[in-house]
Amino acid sequence: MKNLLKGLPKERQLDYSKTFSQQSKNVHENLIPELKRMMMGHYNPSVTQLTDWLRSIHKHRRDRLRNLQTGKLNVTDRRTHKNARLSEVSDILFKSISFYVICCCLIFIHSTEKK
């Protein structure tokens, strides 16, 4: 979807300085039919799906633009990176602990079966 948006002419692209609601006329009259035409034969999304995808992309890009303009982009990027790293560590710890508990249970079950 992002690659399709890059290939659109300037007049059909989203303006991230405006809200998505302010551009709904442009989105429904120009952008969605163009995207459906470009996706034809590969994928046939509904208008609702396209609208939701575009709204999501617009939200994140607009937020990123506003952070860039206020000078908070580096802080936000650093926080996002740190949270992702913490999430990875949490996943690794959870998998390790789960594996340990399963092994202990199997050993217990195996030892009680012999008696």
PDB file of N, CA and C in Angstrom:
ATOM      1  N   MET A   1       0.831  -1.188   0.000  1.00  0.00           N
ATOM      2  CA  MET A   1       0.000   0.000   0.000  1.00  0.00           C
ATOM      3  C   MET A   1       0.874   1.249   0.000  1.00  0.00           C
ATOM      4  N   LYS A   2       1.928   1.237   0.827  1.00  0.00           N
ATOM      5  CA  LYS A   2       2.797   2.404   0.895  1.00  0.00           C
ATOM      6  C   LYS A   2       3.483   2.645  -0.442  1.00  0.00           C
ATOM      7  N   ASN A   3       3.865   1.561  -1.127  1.00  0.00           N
ATOM      8  CA  ASN A   3       4.508   1.709  -2.436  1.00  0.00           C
ATOM      9  C   ASN A   3       3.534   2.263  -3.468  1.00  0.00           C
ATOM     10  N   LEU A   4       2.275   1.877  -3.372  1.00  0.00           N
ATOM     11  CA  LEU A   4       1.269   2.408  -4.295  1.00  0.00           C
ATOM     12  C   LEU A   4       1.074   3.908  -4.069  1.00  0.00           C
ATOM     13  N   LEU A   5       1.095   4.319  -2.802  1.00  0.00           N
ATOM     14  CA  LEU A   5       0.918   5.740  -2.497  1.00  0.00           C
ATOM     15  C   LEU A   5       2.079   6.582  -3.018  1.00  0.00           C
ATOM     16  N   LYS A   6       3.282   5.998  -3.051  1.00  0.00           N
ATOM     17  CA  LYS A   6       4.445   6.738  -3.542  1.00  0.00           C
ATOM     18  C   LYS A   6       4.336   7.048  -5.033  1.00  0.00           C
ATOM     19  N   GLY A   7       3.674   6.171  -5.788  1.00  0.00           N
ATOM     20  CA  GLY A   7       3.581   6.344  -7.232  1.00  0.00           C
ATOM     21  C   GLY A   7       2.449   7.236  -7.702  1.00  0.00           C
ATOM     22  N   LEU A   8       1.684   7.777  -6.790  1.00  0.00           N
ATOM     23  CA  LEU A   8       0.550   8.624  -7.176  1.00  0.00           C
ATOM     24  C   LEU A   8       1.010  10.037  -7.523  1.00  0.00           C
ATOM     25  N   PRO A   9       0.273  10.707  -8.421  1.00  0.00           N
ATOM     26  CA  PRO A   9       0.592  12.118  -8.700  1.00  0.00           C
ATOM     27  C   PRO A   9       0.343  12.989  -7.465  1.00  0.00           C
ATOM     28  N   LYS A  10       0.997  14.130  -7.419  1.00  0.00           N
ATOM     29  CA  LYS A  10       0.930  15.029  -6.251  1.00  0.00           C
ATOM     30  C   LYS A  10      -0.499  15.425  -5.887  1.00  0.00           C
ATOM     31  N   GLU A  11      -1.350  15.687  -6.880  1.00  0.00           N
ATOM     32  CA  GLU A  11      -2.703  16.153  -6.578  1.00  0.00           C
ATOM     33  C   GLU A  11      -3.574  15.066  -5.951  1.00  0.00           C
ATOM     34  N   ARG A  12      -3.172  13.810  -6.057  1.00  0.00           N
ATOM     35  CA  ARG A  12      -3.958  12.722  -5.470  1.00  0.00           C
ATOM     36  C   ARG A  12      -3.375  12.192  -4.168  1.00  0.00           C
ATOM     37  N   GLN A  13      -2.247  12.702  -3.750  1.00  0.00           N
ATOM     38  CA  GLN A  13      -1.630  12.229  -2.519  1.00  0.00           C
ATOM     39  C   GLN A  13      -2.279  12.888  -1.310  1.00  0.00           C
ATOM     40  N   LEU A  14      -2.124  12.242  -0.174  1.00  0.00           N
ATOM     41  CA  LEU A  14      -2.664  12.788   1.067  1.00  0.00           C
ATOM     42  C   LEU A  14      -1.819  13.963   1.540  1.00  0.00           C
ATOM     43  N   ASP A  15      -2.483  14.962   2.119  1.00  0.00           N
ATOM     44  CA  ASP A  15      -1.788  16.109   2.701  1.00  0.00           C
ATOM     45  C   ASP A  15      -1.751  15.889   4.205  1.00  0.00           C
ATOM     46  N   TYR A  16      -0.553  15.666   4.741  1.00  0.00           N
ATOM     47  CA  TYR A  16      -0.426  15.328   6.158  1.00  0.00           C
ATOM     48  C   TYR A  16      -0.519  16.540   7.076  1.00  0.00           C
ATOM     49  N   SER A  17      -0.606  17.736   6.502  1.00  0.00           N
ATOM     50  CA  SER A  17      -0.813  18.916   7.337  1.00  0.00           C
ATOM     51  C   SER A  17      -2.300  19.106   7.631  1.00  0.00           C
ATOM     52  N   LYS A  18      -3.176  18.415   6.905  1.00  0.00           N
ATOM     53  CA  LYS A  18      -4.619  18.470   7.129  1.00  0.00           C
ATOM     54  C   LYS A  18      -5.070  17.164   7.781  1.00  0.00           C
ATOM     55  N   THR A  19      -6.232  17.219   8.426  1.00  0.00           N
ATOM     56  CA  THR A  19      -6.775  16.002   9.012  1.00  0.00           C
ATOM     57  C   THR A  19      -7.347  15.114   7.909  1.00  0.00           C
ATOM     58  N   PHE A  20      -7.551  13.847   8.244  1.00  0.00           N
ATOM     59  CA  PHE A  20      -8.100  12.910   7.265  1.00  0.00           C
ATOM     60  C   PHE A  20      -9.528  13.304   6.895  1.00  0.00           C
ATOM     61  N   SER A  21     -10.281  13.777   7.859  1.00  0.00           N
ATOM     62  CA  SER A  21     -11.669  14.188   7.610  1.00  0.00           C
ATOM     63  C   SER A  21     -11.748  15.356   6.628  1.00  0.00           C
ATOM     64  N   GLN A  22     -10.803  16.279   6.721  1.00  0.00           N
ATOM     65  CA  GLN A  22     -10.793  17.417   5.811  1.00  0.00           C
ATOM     66  C   GLN A  22     -10.526  16.991   4.374  1.00  0.00           C
ATOM     67  N   GLN A  23      -9.925  15.830   4.195  1.00  0.00           N
ATOM     68  CA  GLN A  23      -9.573  15.361   2.858  1.00  0.00           C
ATOM     69  C   GLN A  23     -10.484  14.247   2.368  1.00  0.00           C
ATOM     70  N   SER A  24     -11.570  13.980   3.067  1.00  0.00           N
ATOM     71  CA  SER A  24     -12.413  12.835   2.724  1.00  0.00           C
ATOM     72  C   SER A  24     -12.969  12.918   1.300  1.00  0.00           C
ATOM     73  N   LYS A  25     -13.267  14.104   0.834  1.00  0.00           N
ATOM     74  CA  LYS A  25     -13.772  14.254  -0.534  1.00  0.00           C
ATOM     75  C   LYS A  25     -12.712  13.808  -1.538  1.00  0.00           C
ATOM     76  N   ASN A  26     -11.473  14.258  -1.364  1.00  0.00           N
ATOM     77  CA  ASN A  26     -10.371  13.853  -2.239  1.00  0.00           C
ATOM     78  C   ASN A  26     -10.131  12.344  -2.145  1.00  0.00           C
ATOM     79  N   VAL A  27     -10.213  11.808  -0.932  1.00  0.00           N
ATOM     80  CA  VAL A  27      -9.961  10.380  -0.730  1.00  0.00           C
ATOM     81  C   VAL A  27     -10.990   9.546  -1.470  1.00  0.00           C
ATOM     82  N   HIS A  28     -12.270   9.868  -1.303  1.00  0.00           N
ATOM     83  CA  HIS A  28     -13.330   9.044  -1.890  1.00  0.00           C
ATOM     84  C   HIS A  28     -13.525   9.275  -3.387  1.00  0.00           C
ATOM     85  N   GLU A  29     -13.245  10.470  -3.873  1.00  0.00           N
ATOM     86  CA  GLU A  29     -13.448  10.743  -5.295  1.00  0.00           C
ATOM     87  C   GLU A  29     -12.230  10.391  -6.147  1.00  0.00           C
ATOM     88  N   ASN A  30     -11.032  10.585  -5.618  1.00  0.00           N
ATOM     89  CA  ASN A  30      -9.833  10.405  -6.430  1.00  0.00           C
ATOM     90  C   ASN A  30      -8.953   9.244  -5.986  1.00  0.00           C
ATOM     91  N   LEU A  31      -8.618   9.231  -4.720  1.00  0.00           N
ATOM     92  CA  LEU A  31      -7.605   8.308  -4.233  1.00  0.00           C
ATOM     93  C   LEU A  31      -8.069   6.850  -4.230  1.00  0.00           C
ATOM     94  N   ILE A  32      -9.232   6.578  -3.682  1.00  0.00           N
ATOM     95  CA  ILE A  32      -9.710   5.194  -3.593  1.00  0.00           C
ATOM     96  C   ILE A  32      -9.937   4.580  -4.973  1.00  0.00           C
ATOM     97  N   PRO A  33     -10.593   5.267  -5.922  1.00  0.00           N
ATOM     98  CA  PRO A  33     -10.726   4.667  -7.258  1.00  0.00           C
ATOM     99  C   PRO A  33      -9.369   4.399  -7.925  1.00  0.00           C
ATOM    100  N   GLU A  34      -8.420   5.302  -7.722  1.00  0.00           N
ATOM    101  CA  GLU A  34      -7.082   5.114  -8.297  1.00  0.00           C
ATOM    102  C   GLU A  34      -6.387   3.902  -7.684  1.00  0.00           C
ATOM    103  N   LEU A  35      -6.479   3.754  -6.372  1.00  0.00           N
ATOM    104  CA  LEU A  35      -5.864   2.608  -5.702  1.00  0.00           C
ATOM    105  C   LEU A  35      -6.540   1.296  -6.107  1.00  0.00           C
ATOM    106  N   LYS A  36      -7.860   1.304  -6.228  1.00  0.00           N
ATOM    107  CA  LYS A  36      -8.568   0.092  -6.678  1.00  0.00           C
ATOM    108  C   LYS A  36      -8.127  -0.296  -8.081  1.00  0.00           C
ATOM    109  N   ARG A  37      -7.929   0.709  -8.944  1.00  0.00           N
ATOM    110  CA  ARG A  37      -7.479   0.438 -10.311  1.00  0.00           C
ATOM    111  C   ARG A  37      -6.072  -0.156 -10.300  1.00  0.00           C
ATOM    112  N   MET A  38      -5.211   0.379  -9.434  1.00  0.00           N
ATOM    113  CA  MET A  38      -3.836  -0.105  -9.370  1.00  0.00           C
ATOM    114  C   MET A  38      -3.749  -1.521  -8.787  1.00  0.00           C
ATOM    115  N   MET A  39      -4.671  -1.869  -7.894  1.00  0.00           N
ATOM    116  CA  MET A  39      -4.655  -3.188  -7.254  1.00  0.00           C
ATOM    117  C   MET A  39      -5.425  -4.245  -8.042  1.00  0.00           C
ATOM    118  N   MET A  40      -6.177  -3.824  -9.064  1.00  0.00           N
ATOM    119  CA  MET A  40      -7.019  -4.739  -9.804  1.00  0.00           C
ATOM    120  C   MET A  40      -6.209  -5.931 -10.326  1.00  0.00           C
ATOM    121  N   GLY A  41      -6.740  -7.119 -10.116  1.00  0.00           N
ATOM    122  CA  GLY A  41      -6.076  -8.328 -10.571  1.00  0.00           C
ATOM    123  C   GLY A  41      -5.201  -8.962  -9.506  1.00  0.00           C
ATOM    124  N   HIS A  42      -4.734  -8.160  -8.561  1.00  0.00           N
ATOM    125  CA  HIS A  42      -3.899  -8.696  -7.485  1.00  0.00           C
ATOM    126  C   HIS A  42      -4.714  -8.864  -6.208  1.00  0.00           C
ATOM    127  N   TYR A  43      -5.485  -7.847  -5.905  1.00  0.00           N
ATOM    128  CA  TYR A  43      -6.247  -7.821  -4.672  1.00  0.00           C
ATOM    129  C   TYR A  43      -7.444  -6.911  -4.884  1.00  0.00           C
ATOM    130  N   ASN A  44      -8.585  -7.289  -4.319  1.00  0.00           N
ATOM    131  CA  ASN A  44      -9.792  -6.503  -4.514  1.00  0.00           C
ATOM    132  C   ASN A  44     -10.355  -6.047  -3.162  1.00  0.00           C
ATOM    133  N   PRO A  45      -9.745  -5.024  -2.555  1.00  0.00           N
ATOM    134  CA  PRO A  45     -10.230  -4.569  -1.243  1.00  0.00           C
ATOM    135  C   PRO A  45     -11.513  -3.755  -1.377  1.00  0.00           C
ATOM    136  N   SER A  46     -12.289  -3.744  -0.316  1.00  0.00           N
ATOM    137  CA  SER A  46     -13.502  -2.931  -0.313  1.00  0.00           C
ATOM    138  C   SER A  46     -13.124  -1.471  -0.048  1.00  0.00           C
ATOM    139  N   VAL A  47     -14.080  -0.594  -0.264  1.00  0.00           N
ATOM    140  CA  VAL A  47     -13.859   0.830  -0.012  1.00  0.00           C
ATOM    141  C   VAL A  47     -13.577   1.059   1.471  1.00  0.00           C
ATOM    142  N   THR A  48     -14.273   0.306   2.322  1.00  0.00           N
ATOM    143  CA  THR A  48     -14.064   0.433   3.764  1.00  0.00           C
ATOM    144  C   THR A  48     -12.647   0.025   4.150  1.00  0.00           C
ATOM    145  N   GLN A  49     -12.157  -1.085   3.585  1.00  0.00           N
ATOM    146  CA  GLN A  49     -10.791  -1.517   3.875  1.00  0.00           C
ATOM    147  C   GLN A  49      -9.785  -0.463   3.444  1.00  0.00           C
ATOM    148  N   LEU A  50      -9.946   0.047   2.234  1.00  0.00           N
ATOM    149  CA  LEU A  50      -9.029   1.075   1.743  1.00  0.00           C
ATOM    150  C   LEU A  50      -9.078   2.326   2.609  1.00  0.00           C
ATOM    151  N   THR A  51     -10.284   2.722   3.003  1.00  0.00           N
ATOM    152  CA  THR A  51     -10.426   3.907   3.848  1.00  0.00           C
ATOM    153  C   THR A  51      -9.719   3.699   5.185  1.00  0.00           C
ATOM    154  N   ASP A  52      -9.894   2.523   5.780  1.00  0.00           N
ATOM    155  CA  ASP A  52      -9.240   2.238   7.065  1.00  0.00           C
ATOM    156  C   ASP A  52      -7.724   2.220   6.920  1.00  0.00           C
ATOM    157  N   TRP A  53      -7.221   1.602   5.851  1.00  0.00           N
ATOM    158  CA  TRP A  53      -5.765   1.564   5.614  1.00  0.00           C
ATOM    159  C   TRP A  53      -5.221   2.978   5.443  1.00  0.00           C
ATOM    160  N   LEU A  54      -5.897   3.755   4.623  1.00  0.00           N
ATOM    161  CA  LEU A  54      -5.440   5.124   4.379  1.00  0.00           C
ATOM    162  C   LEU A  54      -5.508   5.968   5.647  1.00  0.00           C
ATOM    163  N   ARG A  55      -6.568   5.796   6.435  1.00  0.00           N
ATOM    164  CA  ARG A  55      -6.704   6.541   7.683  1.00  0.00           C
ATOM    165  C   ARG A  55      -5.560   6.190   8.642  1.00  0.00           C
ATOM    166  N   SER A  56      -5.220   4.916   8.706  1.00  0.00           N
ATOM    167  CA  SER A  56      -4.135   4.479   9.587  1.00  0.00           C
ATOM    168  C   SER A  56      -2.786   5.034   9.134  1.00  0.00           C
ATOM    169  N   ILE A  57      -2.507   4.934   7.841  1.00  0.00           N
ATOM    170  CA  ILE A  57      -1.249   5.467   7.302  1.00  0.00           C
ATOM    171  C   ILE A  57      -1.185   6.975   7.530  1.00  0.00           C
ATOM    172  N   HIS A  58      -2.304   7.666   7.265  1.00  0.00           N
ATOM    173  CA  HIS A  58      -2.356   9.113   7.440  1.00  0.00           C
ATOM    174  C   HIS A  58      -2.120   9.493   8.898  1.00  0.00           C
ATOM    175  N   LYS A  59      -2.730   8.752   9.817  1.00  0.00           N
ATOM    176  CA  LYS A  59      -2.587   9.051  11.243  1.00  0.00           C
ATOM    177  C   LYS A  59      -1.126   8.975  11.676  1.00  0.00           C
ATOM    178  N   HIS A  60      -0.440   7.908  11.286  1.00  0.00           N
ATOM    179  CA  HIS A  60       0.943   7.733  11.716  1.00  0.00           C
ATOM    180  C   HIS A  60       1.890   8.727  11.040  1.00  0.00           C
ATOM    181  N   ARG A  61       1.659   8.995   9.772  1.00  0.00           N
ATOM    182  CA  ARG A  61       2.528   9.955   9.083  1.00  0.00           C
ATOM    183  C   ARG A  61       2.283  11.372   9.571  1.00  0.00           C
ATOM    184  N   ARG A  62       1.033  11.699   9.870  1.00  0.00           N
ATOM    185  CA  ARG A  62       0.716  13.035  10.392  1.00  0.00           C
ATOM    186  C   ARG A  62       1.330  13.216  11.780  1.00  0.00           C
ATOM    187  N   ASP A  63       1.237  12.193  12.603  1.00  0.00           N
ATOM    188  CA  ASP A  63       1.828  12.249  13.938  1.00  0.00           C
ATOM    189  C   ASP A  63       3.342  12.417  13.844  1.00  0.00           C
ATOM    190  N   ARG A  64       3.957  11.701  12.923  1.00  0.00           N
ATOM    191  CA  ARG A  64       5.406  11.802  12.730  1.00  0.00           C
ATOM    192  C   ARG A  64       5.794  13.208  12.248  1.00  0.00           C
ATOM    193  N   LEU A  65       5.009  13.774  11.337  1.00  0.00           N
ATOM    194  CA  LEU A  65       5.274  15.123  10.846  1.00  0.00           C
ATOM    195  C   LEU A  65       5.152  16.150  11.967  1.00  0.00           C
ATOM    196  N   ARG A  66       4.122  16.004  12.804  1.00  0.00           N
ATOM    197  CA  ARG A  66       3.938  16.942  13.918  1.00  0.00           C
ATOM    198  C   ARG A  66       5.066  16.828  14.939  1.00  0.00           C
ATOM    199  N   ASN A  67       5.538  15.610  15.203  1.00  0.00           N
ATOM    200  CA  ASN A  67       6.677  15.435  16.107  1.00  0.00           C
ATOM    201  C   ASN A  67       7.940  16.051  15.516  1.00  0.00           C
ATOM    202  N   LEU A  68       8.114  15.930  14.217  1.00  0.00           N
ATOM    203  CA  LEU A  68       9.272  16.515  13.542  1.00  0.00           C
ATOM    204  C   LEU A  68       9.231  18.040  13.651  1.00  0.00           C
ATOM    205  N   GLN A  69       8.056  18.619  13.454  1.00  0.00           N
ATOM    206  CA  GLN A  69       7.917  20.069  13.496  1.00  0.00           C
ATOM    207  C   GLN A  69       8.111  20.627  14.915  1.00  0.00           C
ATOM    208  N   THR A  70       7.728  19.866  15.934  1.00  0.00           N
ATOM    209  CA  THR A  70       7.891  20.343  17.305  1.00  0.00           C
ATOM    210  C   THR A  70       9.243  19.974  17.894  1.00  0.00           C
ATOM    211  N   GLY A  71      10.024  19.195  17.177  1.00  0.00           N
ATOM    212  CA  GLY A  71      11.348  18.807  17.655  1.00  0.00           C
ATOM    213  C   GLY A  71      11.338  17.628  18.611  1.00  0.00           C
ATOM    214  N   LYS A  72      10.244  16.915  18.688  1.00  0.00           N
ATOM    215  CA  LYS A  72      10.137  15.766  19.596  1.00  0.00           C
ATOM    216  C   LYS A  72      10.367  14.431  18.901  1.00  0.00           C
ATOM    217  N   LEU A  73      10.766  14.461  17.633  1.00  0.00           N
ATOM    218  CA  LEU A  73      10.893  13.219  16.871  1.00  0.00           C
ATOM    219  C   LEU A  73      11.966  12.305  17.439  1.00  0.00           C
ATOM    220  N   ASN A  74      13.123  12.847  17.802  1.00  0.00           N
ATOM    221  CA  ASN A  74      14.195  12.018  18.344  1.00  0.00           C
ATOM    222  C   ASN A  74      13.792  11.358  19.656  1.00  0.00           C
ATOM    223  N   VAL A  75      13.104  12.110  20.508  1.00  0.00           N
ATOM    224  CA  VAL A  75      12.651  11.566  21.787  1.00  0.00           C
ATOM    225  C   VAL A  75      11.648  10.447  21.548  1.00  0.00           C
ATOM    226  N   THR A  76      10.725  10.661  20.633  1.00  0.00           N
ATOM    227  CA  THR A  76       9.709   9.659  20.324  1.00  0.00           C
ATOM    228  C   THR A  76      10.348   8.412  19.720  1.00  0.00           C
ATOM    229  N   ASP A  77      11.274   8.602  18.784  1.00  0.00           N
ATOM    230  CA  ASP A  77      11.946   7.463  18.169  1.00  0.00           C
ATOM    231  C   ASP A  77      12.730   6.664  19.202  1.00  0.00           C
ATOM    232  N   ARG A  78      13.399   7.347  20.098  1.00  0.00           N
ATOM    233  CA  ARG A  78      14.186   6.674  21.130  1.00  0.00           C
ATOM    234  C   ARG A  78      13.277   5.879  22.071  1.00  0.00           C
ATOM    235  N   ARG A  79      12.148   6.475  22.454  1.00  0.00           N
ATOM    236  CA  ARG A  79      11.192   5.792  23.335  1.00  0.00           C
ATOM    237  C   ARG A  79      10.618   4.556  22.640  1.00  0.00           C
ATOM    238  N   THR A  80      10.276   4.689  21.374  1.00  0.00           N
ATOM    239  CA  THR A  80       9.738   3.572  20.612  1.00  0.00           C
ATOM    240  C   THR A  80      10.764   2.449  20.503  1.00  0.00           C
ATOM    241  N   HIS A  81      12.013   2.815  20.234  1.00  0.00           N
ATOM    242  CA  HIS A  81      13.085   1.819  20.126  1.00  0.00           C
ATOM    243  C   HIS A  81      13.278   1.104  21.462  1.00  0.00           C
ATOM    244  N   LYS A  82      13.278   1.875  22.544  1.00  0.00           N
ATOM    245  CA  LYS A  82      13.480   1.298  23.872  1.00  0.00           C
ATOM    246  C   LYS A  82      12.335   0.350  24.230  1.00  0.00           C
ATOM    247  N   ASN A  83      11.108   0.744  23.944  1.00  0.00           N
ATOM    248  CA  ASN A  83       9.956  -0.110  24.229  1.00  0.00           C
ATOM    249  C   ASN A  83      10.000  -1.396  23.419  1.00  0.00           C
ATOM    250  N   ALA A  84      10.434  -1.307  22.172  1.00  0.00           N
ATOM    251  CA  ALA A  84      10.541  -2.504  21.336  1.00  0.00           C
ATOM    252  C   ALA A  84      11.581  -3.459  21.905  1.00  0.00           C
ATOM    253  N   ARG A  85      12.699  -2.914  22.359  1.00  0.00           N
ATOM    254  CA  ARG A  85      13.748  -3.749  22.948  1.00  0.00           C
ATOM    255  C   ARG A  85      13.254  -4.418  24.228  1.00  0.00           C
ATOM    256  N   LEU A  86      12.541  -3.671  25.076  1.00  0.00           N
ATOM    257  CA  LEU A  86      11.997  -4.242  26.301  1.00  0.00           C
ATOM    258  C   LEU A  86      10.985  -5.337  25.990  1.00  0.00           C
ATOM    259  N   SER A  87      10.200  -5.125  24.959  1.00  0.00           N
ATOM    260  CA  SER A  87       9.221  -6.129  24.553  1.00  0.00           C
ATOM    261  C   SER A  87       9.910  -7.404  24.088  1.00  0.00           C
ATOM    262  N   GLU A  88      11.012  -7.260  23.340  1.00  0.00           N
ATOM    263  CA  GLU A  88      11.760  -8.434  22.888  1.00  0.00           C
ATOM    264  C   GLU A  88      12.322  -9.208  24.078  1.00  0.00           C
ATOM    265  N   VAL A  89      12.878  -8.498  25.045  1.00  0.00           N
ATOM    266  CA  VAL A  89      13.434  -9.149  26.233  1.00  0.00           C
ATOM    267  C   VAL A  89      12.323  -9.850  27.005  1.00  0.00           C
ATOM    268  N   SER A  90      11.180  -9.203  27.151  1.00  0.00           N
ATOM    269  CA  SER A  90      10.051  -9.810  27.855  1.00  0.00           C
ATOM    270  C   SER A  90       9.611 -11.098  27.157  1.00  0.00           C
ATOM    271  N   ASP A  91       9.558 -11.075  25.831  1.00  0.00           N
ATOM    272  CA  ASP A  91       9.184 -12.272  25.070  1.00  0.00           C
ATOM    273  C   ASP A  91      10.173 -13.402  25.298  1.00  0.00           C
ATOM    274  N   ILE A  92      11.467 -13.080  25.281  1.00  0.00           N
ATOM    275  CA  ILE A  92      12.506 -14.090  25.484  1.00  0.00           C
ATOM    276  C   ILE A  92      12.406 -14.677  26.891  1.00  0.00           C
ATOM    277  N   LEU A  93      12.241 -13.816  27.889  1.00  0.00           N
ATOM    278  CA  LEU A  93      12.114 -14.294  29.267  1.00  0.00           C
ATOM    279  C   LEU A  93      10.869 -15.167  29.443  1.00  0.00           C
ATOM    280  N   PHE A  94       9.754 -14.742  28.850  1.00  0.00           N
ATOM    281  CA  PHE A  94       8.520 -15.506  28.969  1.00  0.00           C
ATOM    282  C   PHE A  94       8.687 -16.885  28.339  1.00  0.00           C
ATOM    283  N   LYS A  95       9.307 -16.944  27.169  1.00  0.00           N
ATOM    284  CA  LYS A  95       9.519 -18.238  26.507  1.00  0.00           C
ATOM    285  C   LYS A  95      10.460 -19.117  27.318  1.00  0.00           C
ATOM    286  N   SER A  96      11.495 -18.531  27.887  1.00  0.00           N
ATOM    287  CA  SER A  96      12.449 -19.294  28.699  1.00  0.00           C
ATOM    288  C   SER A  96      11.781 -19.856  29.946  1.00  0.00           C
ATOM    289  N   ILE A  97      11.010 -19.026  30.627  1.00  0.00           N
ATOM    290  CA  ILE A  97      10.329 -19.470  31.849  1.00  0.00           C
ATOM    291  C   ILE A  97       9.287 -20.529  31.514  1.00  0.00           C
ATOM    292  N   SER A  98       8.562 -20.342  30.424  1.00  0.00           N
ATOM    293  CA  SER A  98       7.566 -21.325  30.009  1.00  0.00           C
ATOM    294  C   SER A  98       8.227 -22.663  29.712  1.00  0.00           C
ATOM    295  N   PHE A  99       9.349 -22.636  29.015  1.00  0.00           N
ATOM    296  CA  PHE A  99      10.077 -23.854  28.697  1.00  0.00           C
ATOM    297  C   PHE A  99      10.545 -24.540  29.977  1.00  0.00           C
ATOM    298  N   TYR A 100      11.050 -23.760  30.930  1.00  0.00           N
ATOM    299  CA  TYR A 100      11.529 -24.307  32.201  1.00  0.00           C
ATOM    300  C   TYR A 100      10.383 -24.976  32.964  1.00  0.00           C
ATOM    301  N   VAL A 101       9.230 -24.327  33.017  1.00  0.00           N
ATOM    302  CA  VAL A 101       8.068 -24.875  33.731  1.00  0.00           C
ATOM    303  C   VAL A 101       7.602 -26.160  33.069  1.00  0.00           C
ATOM    304  N   ILE A 102       7.556 -26.183  31.756  1.00  0.00           N
ATOM    305  CA  ILE A 102       7.133 -27.392  31.035  1.00  0.00           C
ATOM    306  C   ILE A 102       8.100 -28.536  31.304  1.00  0.00           C
ATOM    307  N   CYS A 103       9.393 -28.239  31.284  1.00  0.00           N
ATOM    308  CA  CYS A 103      10.396 -29.273  31.562  1.00  0.00           C
ATOM    309  C   CYS A 103      10.240 -29.817  32.976  1.00  0.00           C
ATOM    310  N   CYS A 104      10.033 -28.948  33.950  1.00  0.00           N
ATOM    311  CA  CYS A 104       9.845 -29.385  35.336  1.00  0.00           C
ATOM    312  C   CYS A 104       8.604 -30.264  35.464  1.00  0.00           C
ATOM    313  N   CYS A 105       7.532 -29.882  34.793  1.00  0.00           N
ATOM    314  CA  CYS A 105       6.303 -30.675  34.841  1.00  0.00           C
ATOM    315  C   CYS A 105       6.527 -32.048  34.213  1.00  0.00           C
ATOM    316  N   LEU A 106       7.213 -32.092  33.093  1.00  0.00           N
ATOM    317  CA  LEU A 106       7.485 -33.369  32.432  1.00  0.00           C
ATOM    318  C   LEU A 106       8.358 -34.263  33.298  1.00  0.00           C
ATOM    319  N   ILE A 107       9.352 -33.688  33.938  1.00  0.00           N
ATOM    320  CA  ILE A 107      10.224 -34.459  34.825  1.00  0.00           C
ATOM    321  C   ILE A 107       9.412 -34.995  36.002  1.00  0.00           C
ATOM    322  N   PHE A 108       8.544 -34.177  36.570  1.00  0.00           N
ATOM    323  CA  PHE A 108       7.710 -34.604  37.683  1.00  0.00           C
ATOM    324  C   PHE A 108       6.780 -35.739  37.253  1.00  0.00           C
ATOM    325  N   ILE A 109       6.139 -35.569  36.116  1.00  0.00           N
ATOM    326  CA  ILE A 109       5.224 -36.603  35.617  1.00  0.00           C
ATOM    327  C   ILE A 109       5.978 -37.894  35.343  1.00  0.00           C
ATOM    328  N   HIS A 110       7.136 -37.790  34.754  1.00  0.00           N
ATOM    329  CA  HIS A 110       7.932 -38.965  34.420  1.00  0.00           C
ATOM    330  C   HIS A 110       8.401 -39.667  35.701  1.00  0.00           C
ATOM    331  N   SER A 111       8.773 -38.903  36.730  1.00  0.00           N
ATOM    332  CA  SER A 111       9.247 -39.515  37.972  1.00  0.00           C
ATOM    333  C   SER A 111       8.113 -40.164  38.752  1.00  0.00           C
ATOM    334  N   THR A 112       6.899 -39.627  38.668  1.00  0.00           N
ATOM    335  CA  THR A 112       5.769 -40.235  39.393  1.00  0.00           C
ATOM    336  C   THR A 112       5.245 -41.464  38.672  1.00  0.00           C
ATOM    337  N   GLU A 113       5.456 -41.587  37.395  1.00  0.00           N
ATOM    338  CA  GLU A 113       5.007 -42.754  36.643  1.00  0.00           C
ATOM    339  C   GLU A 113       5.841 -43.982  36.983  1.00  0.00           C
ATOM    340  N   LYS A 114       7.099 -43.810  37.335  1.00  0.00           N
ATOM    341  CA  LYS A 114       7.991 -44.928  37.634  1.00  0.00           C
ATOM    342  C   LYS A 114       7.634 -45.590  38.964  1.00  0.00           C
ATOM    343  N   LYS A 115       6.994 -44.864  39.879  1.00  0.00           N
ATOM    344  CA  LYS A 115       6.689 -45.406  41.201  1.00  0.00           C
ATOM    345  C   LYS A 115       5.500 -46.262  41.167  1.00  0.00           C
TER     346      LYS A 115
END
